């Protein structure tokens, strides 16, 4: 499974708070980024939750578990 933060990111950092192991905030870009190409299994549920709770719908999930 992959997660992508799109340009629609508003930088509210909710995903960073929910799953800091996967998401980090880029101060230069003023948006969140994903630390992994493939999401580790133990974080998949949190990443899906972050995507569902994203106010800007800026987190896209790709892959067999999406």
C-alpha atoms as a PDB file:
ATOM      1  CA  UNK A   1       0.000   0.000   0.000  1.00  0.00           C
ATOM      2  CA  UNK A   2       1.194   3.497  -0.831  1.00  0.00           C
ATOM      3  CA  UNK A   3       0.071   6.871   0.480  1.00  0.00           C
ATOM      4  CA  UNK A   4       0.493  10.146  -1.381  1.00  0.00           C
ATOM      5  CA  UNK A   5      -0.081  13.644  -0.028  1.00  0.00           C
ATOM      6  CA  UNK A   6      -1.413  15.772  -2.886  1.00  0.00           C
ATOM      7  CA  UNK A   7      -1.049  19.485  -3.521  1.00  0.00           C
ATOM      8  CA  UNK A   8      -4.465  19.980  -1.884  1.00  0.00           C
ATOM      9  CA  UNK A   9      -2.789  19.572   1.527  1.00  0.00           C
ATOM     10  CA  UNK A  10      -3.723  22.525   3.765  1.00  0.00           C
ATOM     11  CA  UNK A  11      -0.932  21.846   6.237  1.00  0.00           C
ATOM     12  CA  UNK A  12      -3.174  21.364   9.272  1.00  0.00           C
ATOM     13  CA  UNK A  13      -0.860  18.530  10.411  1.00  0.00           C
ATOM     14  CA  UNK A  14      -3.675  16.234  11.552  1.00  0.00           C
ATOM     15  CA  UNK A  15      -2.031  13.282   9.805  1.00  0.00           C
ATOM     16  CA  UNK A  16       1.280  14.107  11.499  1.00  0.00           C
ATOM     17  CA  UNK A  17      -0.425  14.023  14.895  1.00  0.00           C
ATOM     18  CA  UNK A  18      -2.290  10.803  14.095  1.00  0.00           C
ATOM     19  CA  UNK A  19       0.651   8.864  12.664  1.00  0.00           C
ATOM     20  CA  UNK A  20       4.025  10.631  13.056  1.00  0.00           C
ATOM     21  CA  UNK A  21       5.781   7.385  12.157  1.00  0.00           C
ATOM     22  CA  UNK A  22       4.554   7.787   8.559  1.00  0.00           C
ATOM     23  CA  UNK A  23       3.788  11.482   8.029  1.00  0.00           C
ATOM     24  CA  UNK A  24       6.083  14.448   8.561  1.00  0.00           C
ATOM     25  CA  UNK A  25       5.623  18.153   7.957  1.00  0.00           C
ATOM     26  CA  UNK A  26       7.802  19.845   5.365  1.00  0.00           C
ATOM     27  CA  UNK A  27       8.382  23.421   6.562  1.00  0.00           C
ATOM     28  CA  UNK A  28       9.649  24.492   3.124  1.00  0.00           C
ATOM     29  CA  UNK A  29       6.675  23.107   1.192  1.00  0.00           C
ATOM     30  CA  UNK A  30       4.181  23.891   3.996  1.00  0.00           C
ATOM     31  CA  UNK A  31       2.559  20.483   3.626  1.00  0.00           C
ATOM     32  CA  UNK A  32       2.826  16.975   4.988  1.00  0.00           C
ATOM     33  CA  UNK A  33       4.880  14.294   3.293  1.00  0.00           C
ATOM     34  CA  UNK A  34       5.051  10.505   3.523  1.00  0.00           C
ATOM     35  CA  UNK A  35       8.255   8.948   4.880  1.00  0.00           C
ATOM     36  CA  UNK A  36       7.837   5.571   3.123  1.00  0.00           C
ATOM     37  CA  UNK A  37       7.379   4.324  -0.440  1.00  0.00           C
ATOM     38  CA  UNK A  38       5.477   1.327   0.936  1.00  0.00           C
ATOM     39  CA  UNK A  39       3.510   1.756   4.150  1.00  0.00           C
ATOM     40  CA  UNK A  40       4.646  -0.748   6.810  1.00  0.00           C
ATOM     41  CA  UNK A  41       1.883  -3.167   7.780  1.00  0.00           C
ATOM     42  CA  UNK A  42       1.675  -1.950  11.367  1.00  0.00           C
ATOM     43  CA  UNK A  43       0.734   1.584  10.215  1.00  0.00           C
ATOM     44  CA  UNK A  44      -1.755   0.792   7.443  1.00  0.00           C
ATOM     45  CA  UNK A  45      -4.874   1.243   9.591  1.00  0.00           C
ATOM     46  CA  UNK A  46      -3.657   4.610  10.892  1.00  0.00           C
ATOM     47  CA  UNK A  47      -2.767   5.810   7.399  1.00  0.00           C
ATOM     48  CA  UNK A  48      -6.236   4.879   6.137  1.00  0.00           C
ATOM     49  CA  UNK A  49      -7.749   6.706   9.122  1.00  0.00           C
ATOM     50  CA  UNK A  50      -5.595   9.773   8.361  1.00  0.00           C
ATOM     51  CA  UNK A  51      -6.812   9.739   4.754  1.00  0.00           C
ATOM     52  CA  UNK A  52     -10.438   9.473   5.860  1.00  0.00           C
ATOM     53  CA  UNK A  53     -10.064  12.317   8.381  1.00  0.00           C
ATOM     54  CA  UNK A  54      -8.105  14.653   6.096  1.00  0.00           C
ATOM     55  CA  UNK A  55     -10.190  17.821   5.774  1.00  0.00           C
ATOM     56  CA  UNK A  56      -8.734  18.598   2.347  1.00  0.00           C
ATOM     57  CA  UNK A  57      -8.980  15.017   1.021  1.00  0.00           C
ATOM     58  CA  UNK A  58      -5.268  15.392   0.280  1.00  0.00           C
ATOM     59  CA  UNK A  59      -4.140  11.849   1.140  1.00  0.00           C
ATOM     60  CA  UNK A  60      -4.525   9.288  -1.614  1.00  0.00           C
ATOM     61  CA  UNK A  61      -4.159   5.584  -0.881  1.00  0.00           C
ATOM     62  CA  UNK A  62      -2.966   3.212  -3.613  1.00  0.00           C
ATOM     63  CA  UNK A  63      -2.451  -0.513  -3.598  1.00  0.00           C
ATOM     64  CA  UNK A  64      -4.143  -3.777  -2.877  1.00  0.00           C
ATOM     65  CA  UNK A  65      -5.228  -2.798   0.626  1.00  0.00           C
ATOM     66  CA  UNK A  66      -6.676   0.590  -0.341  1.00  0.00           C
END
